[in-house]
Amino acid sequence: MRATKQPTDQIRGIAEILAFTYSPSDLSRILVEHTADETGHCRGCQYPTKASPVWPCPLWEIAKETERIRGLPESA
């Protein structure tokens, strides 16, 4: 797992909105599905026309920041 870093303003802004709309189980599912594969790319981001992003992907970072904002216990 990559070292913890400060979220960008964009990640934080999106996470603040999702903190009121996503349930803890929604966030948990995102964090479980968006993990690193053996090459260091995101398993959850599968695109037919381009390579998956390097993990952690933006969706994982948003879900993780949403958990932090909501004060949920750490997962994934």
PDB file of N, CA and C in Angstrom:
ATOM      1  N   MET A   1       0.831  -1.175   0.000  1.00  0.00           N
ATOM      2  CA  MET A   1       0.000   0.000   0.000  1.00  0.00           C
ATOM      3  C   MET A   1       0.879   1.243   0.000  1.00  0.00           C
ATOM      4  N   ARG A   2       0.436   2.246  -0.711  1.00  0.00           N
ATOM      5  CA  ARG A   2       1.193   3.492  -0.836  1.00  0.00           C
ATOM      6  C   ARG A   2       1.110   4.290   0.459  1.00  0.00           C
ATOM      7  N   ALA A   3       2.158   5.062   0.716  1.00  0.00           N
ATOM      8  CA  ALA A   3       2.183   5.901   1.908  1.00  0.00           C
ATOM      9  C   ALA A   3       1.012   6.877   1.890  1.00  0.00           C
ATOM     10  N   THR A   4       0.466   7.161   3.067  1.00  0.00           N
ATOM     11  CA  THR A   4      -0.652   8.079   3.177  1.00  0.00           C
ATOM     12  C   THR A   4      -0.216   9.475   2.752  1.00  0.00           C
ATOM     13  N   LYS A   5      -1.070  10.121   1.960  1.00  0.00           N
ATOM     14  CA  LYS A   5      -0.775  11.473   1.522  1.00  0.00           C
ATOM     15  C   LYS A   5      -2.019  12.322   1.739  1.00  0.00           C
ATOM     16  N   GLN A   6      -1.847  13.610   1.706  1.00  0.00           N
ATOM     17  CA  GLN A   6      -2.969  14.530   1.861  1.00  0.00           C
ATOM     18  C   GLN A   6      -3.818  14.500   0.580  1.00  0.00           C
ATOM     19  N   PRO A   7      -5.140  14.446   0.733  1.00  0.00           N
ATOM     20  CA  PRO A   7      -5.987  14.468  -0.465  1.00  0.00           C
ATOM     21  C   PRO A   7      -5.962  15.839  -1.125  1.00  0.00           C
ATOM     22  N   THR A   8      -6.137  15.858  -2.425  1.00  0.00           N
ATOM     23  CA  THR A   8      -6.197  17.126  -3.144  1.00  0.00           C
ATOM     24  C   THR A   8      -7.514  17.826  -2.807  1.00  0.00           C
ATOM     25  N   ASP A   9      -7.612  19.093  -3.141  1.00  0.00           N
ATOM     26  CA  ASP A   9      -8.857  19.827  -2.916  1.00  0.00           C
ATOM     27  C   ASP A   9     -10.010  19.185  -3.689  1.00  0.00           C
ATOM     28  N   GLN A  10      -9.731  18.701  -4.888  1.00  0.00           N
ATOM     29  CA  GLN A  10     -10.769  18.075  -5.700  1.00  0.00           C
ATOM     30  C   GLN A  10     -11.258  16.781  -5.037  1.00  0.00           C
ATOM     31  N   ILE A  11     -10.340  15.936  -4.600  1.00  0.00           N
ATOM     32  CA  ILE A  11     -10.705  14.696  -3.910  1.00  0.00           C
ATOM     33  C   ILE A  11     -11.515  15.025  -2.666  1.00  0.00           C
ATOM     34  N   ARG A  12     -11.049  15.982  -1.867  1.00  0.00           N
ATOM     35  CA  ARG A  12     -11.743  16.359  -0.635  1.00  0.00           C
ATOM     36  C   ARG A  12     -13.144  16.886  -0.927  1.00  0.00           C
ATOM     37  N   GLY A  13     -13.288  17.731  -1.946  1.00  0.00           N
ATOM     38  CA  GLY A  13     -14.592  18.295  -2.285  1.00  0.00           C
ATOM     39  C   GLY A  13     -15.596  17.229  -2.694  1.00  0.00           C
ATOM     40  N   ILE A  14     -15.167  16.304  -3.523  1.00  0.00           N
ATOM     41  CA  ILE A  14     -16.048  15.210  -3.936  1.00  0.00           C
ATOM     42  C   ILE A  14     -16.399  14.343  -2.739  1.00  0.00           C
ATOM     43  N   ALA A  15     -15.416  14.049  -1.902  1.00  0.00           N
ATOM     44  CA  ALA A  15     -15.652  13.211  -0.723  1.00  0.00           C
ATOM     45  C   ALA A  15     -16.640  13.870   0.245  1.00  0.00           C
ATOM     46  N   GLU A  16     -16.577  15.180   0.381  1.00  0.00           N
ATOM     47  CA  GLU A  16     -17.512  15.874   1.269  1.00  0.00           C
ATOM     48  C   GLU A  16     -18.943  15.702   0.788  1.00  0.00           C
ATOM     49  N   ILE A  17     -19.154  15.725  -0.512  1.00  0.00           N
ATOM     50  CA  ILE A  17     -20.502  15.511  -1.054  1.00  0.00           C
ATOM     51  C   ILE A  17     -20.936  14.065  -0.854  1.00  0.00           C
ATOM     52  N   LEU A  18     -20.056  13.131  -1.148  1.00  0.00           N
ATOM     53  CA  LEU A  18     -20.405  11.719  -1.029  1.00  0.00           C
ATOM     54  C   LEU A  18     -20.608  11.278   0.417  1.00  0.00           C
ATOM     55  N   ALA A  19     -20.017  11.998   1.351  1.00  0.00           N
ATOM     56  CA  ALA A  19     -20.179  11.644   2.764  1.00  0.00           C
ATOM     57  C   ALA A  19     -21.653  11.672   3.168  1.00  0.00           C
ATOM     58  N   PHE A  20     -22.458  12.447   2.462  1.00  0.00           N
ATOM     59  CA  PHE A  20     -23.882  12.545   2.783  1.00  0.00           C
ATOM     60  C   PHE A  20     -24.746  11.631   1.926  1.00  0.00           C
ATOM     61  N   THR A  21     -24.167  11.000   0.908  1.00  0.00           N
ATOM     62  CA  THR A  21     -24.982  10.205  -0.004  1.00  0.00           C
ATOM     63  C   THR A  21     -24.611   8.727  -0.038  1.00  0.00           C
ATOM     64  N   TYR A  22     -23.366   8.372   0.238  1.00  0.00           N
ATOM     65  CA  TYR A  22     -22.949   6.974   0.181  1.00  0.00           C
ATOM     66  C   TYR A  22     -23.020   6.347   1.561  1.00  0.00           C
ATOM     67  N   SER A  23     -23.481   5.105   1.600  1.00  0.00           N
ATOM     68  CA  SER A  23     -23.538   4.372   2.861  1.00  0.00           C
ATOM     69  C   SER A  23     -22.159   3.777   3.161  1.00  0.00           C
ATOM     70  N   PRO A  24     -21.930   3.398   4.424  1.00  0.00           N
ATOM     71  CA  PRO A  24     -20.661   2.737   4.743  1.00  0.00           C
ATOM     72  C   PRO A  24     -20.419   1.482   3.894  1.00  0.00           C
ATOM     73  N   SER A  25     -21.483   0.742   3.579  1.00  0.00           N
ATOM     74  CA  SER A  25     -21.292  -0.463   2.762  1.00  0.00           C
ATOM     75  C   SER A  25     -20.910  -0.106   1.318  1.00  0.00           C
ATOM     76  N   ASP A  26     -21.438   1.009   0.799  1.00  0.00           N
ATOM     77  CA  ASP A  26     -21.032   1.468  -0.533  1.00  0.00           C
ATOM     78  C   ASP A  26     -19.542   1.779  -0.547  1.00  0.00           C
ATOM     79  N   LEU A  27     -19.093   2.503   0.458  1.00  0.00           N
ATOM     80  CA  LEU A  27     -17.672   2.876   0.534  1.00  0.00           C
ATOM     81  C   LEU A  27     -16.794   1.647   0.684  1.00  0.00           C
ATOM     82  N   SER A  28     -17.224   0.720   1.517  1.00  0.00           N
ATOM     83  CA  SER A  28     -16.460  -0.506   1.723  1.00  0.00           C
ATOM     84  C   SER A  28     -16.326  -1.288   0.419  1.00  0.00           C
ATOM     85  N   ARG A  29     -17.411  -1.377  -0.348  1.00  0.00           N
ATOM     86  CA  ARG A  29     -17.381  -2.103  -1.615  1.00  0.00           C
ATOM     87  C   ARG A  29     -16.389  -1.458  -2.583  1.00  0.00           C
ATOM     88  N   ILE A  30     -16.380  -0.130  -2.655  1.00  0.00           N
ATOM     89  CA  ILE A  30     -15.433   0.571  -3.530  1.00  0.00           C
ATOM     90  C   ILE A  30     -13.996   0.247  -3.102  1.00  0.00           C
ATOM     91  N   LEU A  31     -13.728   0.321  -1.808  1.00  0.00           N
ATOM     92  CA  LEU A  31     -12.369   0.085  -1.327  1.00  0.00           C
ATOM     93  C   LEU A  31     -11.916  -1.353  -1.557  1.00  0.00           C
ATOM     94  N   VAL A  32     -12.848  -2.305  -1.471  1.00  0.00           N
ATOM     95  CA  VAL A  32     -12.507  -3.707  -1.704  1.00  0.00           C
ATOM     96  C   VAL A  32     -12.268  -3.970  -3.186  1.00  0.00           C
ATOM     97  N   GLU A  33     -13.103  -3.387  -4.049  1.00  0.00           N
ATOM     98  CA  GLU A  33     -12.980  -3.626  -5.484  1.00  0.00           C
ATOM     99  C   GLU A  33     -11.787  -2.907  -6.111  1.00  0.00           C
ATOM    100  N   HIS A  34     -11.412  -1.772  -5.574  1.00  0.00           N
ATOM    101  CA  HIS A  34     -10.338  -0.960  -6.160  1.00  0.00           C
ATOM    102  C   HIS A  34      -9.044  -1.157  -5.366  1.00  0.00           C
ATOM    103  N   THR A  35      -8.405  -2.288  -5.619  1.00  0.00           N
ATOM    104  CA  THR A  35      -7.136  -2.633  -4.984  1.00  0.00           C
ATOM    105  C   THR A  35      -6.072  -2.797  -6.063  1.00  0.00           C
ATOM    106  N   ALA A  36      -4.835  -2.861  -5.639  1.00  0.00           N
ATOM    107  CA  ALA A  36      -3.730  -2.998  -6.593  1.00  0.00           C
ATOM    108  C   ALA A  36      -3.630  -4.434  -7.104  1.00  0.00           C
ATOM    109  N   ASP A  37      -3.375  -4.560  -8.401  1.00  0.00           N
ATOM    110  CA  ASP A  37      -3.087  -5.881  -8.954  1.00  0.00           C
ATOM    111  C   ASP A  37      -1.583  -6.129  -8.865  1.00  0.00           C
ATOM    112  N   GLU A  38      -1.124  -7.214  -9.444  1.00  0.00           N
ATOM    113  CA  GLU A  38       0.296  -7.574  -9.351  1.00  0.00           C
ATOM    114  C   GLU A  38       1.219  -6.599 -10.073  1.00  0.00           C
ATOM    115  N   THR A  39       0.663  -5.747 -10.936  1.00  0.00           N
ATOM    116  CA  THR A  39       1.483  -4.751 -11.638  1.00  0.00           C
ATOM    117  C   THR A  39       1.390  -3.363 -11.005  1.00  0.00           C
ATOM    118  N   GLY A  40       0.598  -3.235  -9.922  1.00  0.00           N
ATOM    119  CA  GLY A  40       0.454  -1.950  -9.254  1.00  0.00           C
ATOM    120  C   GLY A  40      -0.647  -1.075  -9.834  1.00  0.00           C
ATOM    121  N   HIS A  41      -1.493  -1.658 -10.688  1.00  0.00           N
ATOM    122  CA  HIS A  41      -2.615  -0.931 -11.270  1.00  0.00           C
ATOM    123  C   HIS A  41      -3.911  -1.322 -10.561  1.00  0.00           C
ATOM    124  N   CYS A  42      -4.919  -0.493 -10.708  1.00  0.00           N
ATOM    125  CA  CYS A  42      -6.187  -0.724 -10.024  1.00  0.00           C
ATOM    126  C   CYS A  42      -6.984  -1.842 -10.686  1.00  0.00           C
ATOM    127  N   ARG A  43      -7.413  -2.815  -9.866  1.00  0.00           N
ATOM    128  CA  ARG A  43      -8.238  -3.921 -10.365  1.00  0.00           C
ATOM    129  C   ARG A  43      -9.649  -3.459 -10.717  1.00  0.00           C
ATOM    130  N   GLY A  44     -10.167  -2.487  -9.992  1.00  0.00           N
ATOM    131  CA  GLY A  44     -11.542  -2.047 -10.182  1.00  0.00           C
ATOM    132  C   GLY A  44     -11.754  -1.144 -11.374  1.00  0.00           C
ATOM    133  N   CYS A  45     -10.711  -0.536 -11.859  1.00  0.00           N
ATOM    134  CA  CYS A  45     -10.808   0.389 -12.997  1.00  0.00           C
ATOM    135  C   CYS A  45     -10.431  -0.358 -14.273  1.00  0.00           C
ATOM    136  N   GLN A  46     -11.403  -0.985 -14.876  1.00  0.00           N
ATOM    137  CA  GLN A  46     -11.167  -1.737 -16.102  1.00  0.00           C
ATOM    138  C   GLN A  46     -11.758  -0.970 -17.272  1.00  0.00           C
ATOM    139  N   TYR A  47     -10.913  -0.528 -18.166  1.00  0.00           N
ATOM    140  CA  TYR A  47     -11.340   0.224 -19.337  1.00  0.00           C
ATOM    141  C   TYR A  47     -11.008  -0.579 -20.587  1.00  0.00           C
ATOM    142  N   PRO A  48     -11.934  -0.667 -21.536  1.00  0.00           N
ATOM    143  CA  PRO A  48     -11.657  -1.456 -22.735  1.00  0.00           C
ATOM    144  C   PRO A  48     -10.635  -0.810 -23.680  1.00  0.00           C
ATOM    145  N   THR A  49     -10.460   0.500 -23.583  1.00  0.00           N
ATOM    146  CA  THR A  49      -9.588   1.172 -24.550  1.00  0.00           C
ATOM    147  C   THR A  49      -8.304   1.748 -23.971  1.00  0.00           C
ATOM    148  N   LYS A  50      -8.122   1.656 -22.658  1.00  0.00           N
ATOM    149  CA  LYS A  50      -6.869   2.174 -22.081  1.00  0.00           C
ATOM    150  C   LYS A  50      -6.500   1.390 -20.830  1.00  0.00           C
ATOM    151  N   ALA A  51      -5.268   1.556 -20.409  1.00  0.00           N
ATOM    152  CA  ALA A  51      -4.770   0.835 -19.240  1.00  0.00           C
ATOM    153  C   ALA A  51      -5.409   1.355 -17.966  1.00  0.00           C
ATOM    154  N   SER A  52      -5.526   0.484 -16.984  1.00  0.00           N
ATOM    155  CA  SER A  52      -6.035   0.889 -15.679  1.00  0.00           C
ATOM    156  C   SER A  52      -5.051   1.847 -15.029  1.00  0.00           C
ATOM    157  N   PRO A  53      -5.546   2.788 -14.224  1.00  0.00           N
ATOM    158  CA  PRO A  53      -4.636   3.723 -13.565  1.00  0.00           C
ATOM    159  C   PRO A  53      -3.792   3.030 -12.496  1.00  0.00           C
ATOM    160  N   VAL A  54      -2.681   3.632 -12.187  1.00  0.00           N
ATOM    161  CA  VAL A  54      -1.833   3.148 -11.098  1.00  0.00           C
ATOM    162  C   VAL A  54      -2.620   3.323  -9.808  1.00  0.00           C
ATOM    163  N   TRP A  55      -2.523   2.300  -8.943  1.00  0.00           N
ATOM    164  CA  TRP A  55      -3.215   2.332  -7.661  1.00  0.00           C
ATOM    165  C   TRP A  55      -2.433   3.179  -6.662  1.00  0.00           C
ATOM    166  N   PRO A  56      -3.065   3.948  -5.789  1.00  0.00           N
ATOM    167  CA  PRO A  56      -4.504   4.055  -5.624  1.00  0.00           C
ATOM    168  C   PRO A  56      -5.119   4.952  -6.683  1.00  0.00           C
ATOM    169  N   CYS A  57      -6.230   4.484  -7.232  1.00  0.00           N
ATOM    170  CA  CYS A  57      -6.941   5.251  -8.247  1.00  0.00           C
ATOM    171  C   CYS A  57      -7.720   6.387  -7.582  1.00  0.00           C
ATOM    172  N   PRO A  58      -8.160   7.357  -8.354  1.00  0.00           N
ATOM    173  CA  PRO A  58      -8.926   8.467  -7.773  1.00  0.00           C
ATOM    174  C   PRO A  58     -10.193   8.018  -7.038  1.00  0.00           C
ATOM    175  N   LEU A  59     -10.870   6.987  -7.545  1.00  0.00           N
ATOM    176  CA  LEU A  59     -12.094   6.530  -6.870  1.00  0.00           C
ATOM    177  C   LEU A  59     -11.770   5.973  -5.488  1.00  0.00           C
ATOM    178  N   TRP A  60     -10.688   5.200  -5.372  1.00  0.00           N
ATOM    179  CA  TRP A  60     -10.274   4.671  -4.069  1.00  0.00           C
ATOM    180  C   TRP A  60      -9.936   5.829  -3.130  1.00  0.00           C
ATOM    181  N   GLU A  61      -9.201   6.823  -3.639  1.00  0.00           N
ATOM    182  CA  GLU A  61      -8.824   7.962  -2.807  1.00  0.00           C
ATOM    183  C   GLU A  61     -10.052   8.736  -2.337  1.00  0.00           C
ATOM    184  N   ILE A  62     -11.045   8.886  -3.212  1.00  0.00           N
ATOM    185  CA  ILE A  62     -12.272   9.583  -2.827  1.00  0.00           C
ATOM    186  C   ILE A  62     -13.009   8.789  -1.751  1.00  0.00           C
ATOM    187  N   ALA A  63     -13.139   7.479  -1.934  1.00  0.00           N
ATOM    188  CA  ALA A  63     -13.829   6.644  -0.943  1.00  0.00           C
ATOM    189  C   ALA A  63     -13.104   6.683   0.400  1.00  0.00           C
ATOM    190  N   LYS A  64     -11.794   6.630   0.375  1.00  0.00           N
ATOM    191  CA  LYS A  64     -11.007   6.657   1.612  1.00  0.00           C
ATOM    192  C   LYS A  64     -11.188   7.990   2.330  1.00  0.00           C
ATOM    193  N   GLU A  65     -11.168   9.093   1.587  1.00  0.00           N
ATOM    194  CA  GLU A  65     -11.358  10.412   2.189  1.00  0.00           C
ATOM    195  C   GLU A  65     -12.789  10.561   2.710  1.00  0.00           C
ATOM    196  N   THR A  66     -13.765   9.979   2.008  1.00  0.00           N
ATOM    197  CA  THR A  66     -15.147  10.018   2.479  1.00  0.00           C
ATOM    198  C   THR A  66     -15.269   9.294   3.816  1.00  0.00           C
ATOM    199  N   GLU A  67     -14.617   8.146   3.935  1.00  0.00           N
ATOM    200  CA  GLU A  67     -14.598   7.425   5.217  1.00  0.00           C
ATOM    201  C   GLU A  67     -14.006   8.307   6.311  1.00  0.00           C
ATOM    202  N   ARG A  68     -12.905   8.984   6.002  1.00  0.00           N
ATOM    203  CA  ARG A  68     -12.254   9.836   7.002  1.00  0.00           C
ATOM    204  C   ARG A  68     -13.193  10.960   7.447  1.00  0.00           C
ATOM    205  N   ILE A  69     -13.858  11.598   6.489  1.00  0.00           N
ATOM    206  CA  ILE A  69     -14.768  12.699   6.800  1.00  0.00           C
ATOM    207  C   ILE A  69     -15.912  12.216   7.677  1.00  0.00           C
ATOM    208  N   ARG A  70     -16.444  11.041   7.371  1.00  0.00           N
ATOM    209  CA  ARG A  70     -17.565  10.487   8.137  1.00  0.00           C
ATOM    210  C   ARG A  70     -17.143   9.913   9.477  1.00  0.00           C
ATOM    211  N   GLY A  71     -15.844   9.782   9.683  1.00  0.00           N
ATOM    212  CA  GLY A  71     -15.359   9.227  10.938  1.00  0.00           C
ATOM    213  C   GLY A  71     -15.562   7.730  11.050  1.00  0.00           C
ATOM    214  N   LEU A  72     -15.587   7.045   9.897  1.00  0.00           N
ATOM    215  CA  LEU A  72     -15.780   5.599   9.884  1.00  0.00           C
ATOM    216  C   LEU A  72     -14.465   4.912  10.217  1.00  0.00           C
ATOM    217  N   PRO A  73     -14.550   3.701  10.771  1.00  0.00           N
ATOM    218  CA  PRO A  73     -13.321   2.942  11.042  1.00  0.00           C
ATOM    219  C   PRO A  73     -12.573   2.649   9.755  1.00  0.00           C
ATOM    220  N   GLU A  74     -11.249   2.606   9.838  1.00  0.00           N
ATOM    221  CA  GLU A  74     -10.412   2.325   8.676  1.00  0.00           C
ATOM    222  C   GLU A  74     -10.760   0.958   8.096  1.00  0.00           C
ATOM    223  N   SER A  75     -10.819   0.887   6.767  1.00  0.00           N
ATOM    224  CA  SER A  75     -11.004  -0.397   6.086  1.00  0.00           C
ATOM    225  C   SER A  75     -10.046  -0.472   4.925  1.00  0.00           C
ATOM    226  N   ALA A  76      -9.995  -1.645   4.312  1.00  0.00           N
ATOM    227  CA  ALA A  76      -9.138  -1.936   3.140  1.00  0.00           C
ATOM    228  C   ALA A  76      -7.826  -1.233   3.233  1.00  0.00           C
TER     229      ALA A  76
END
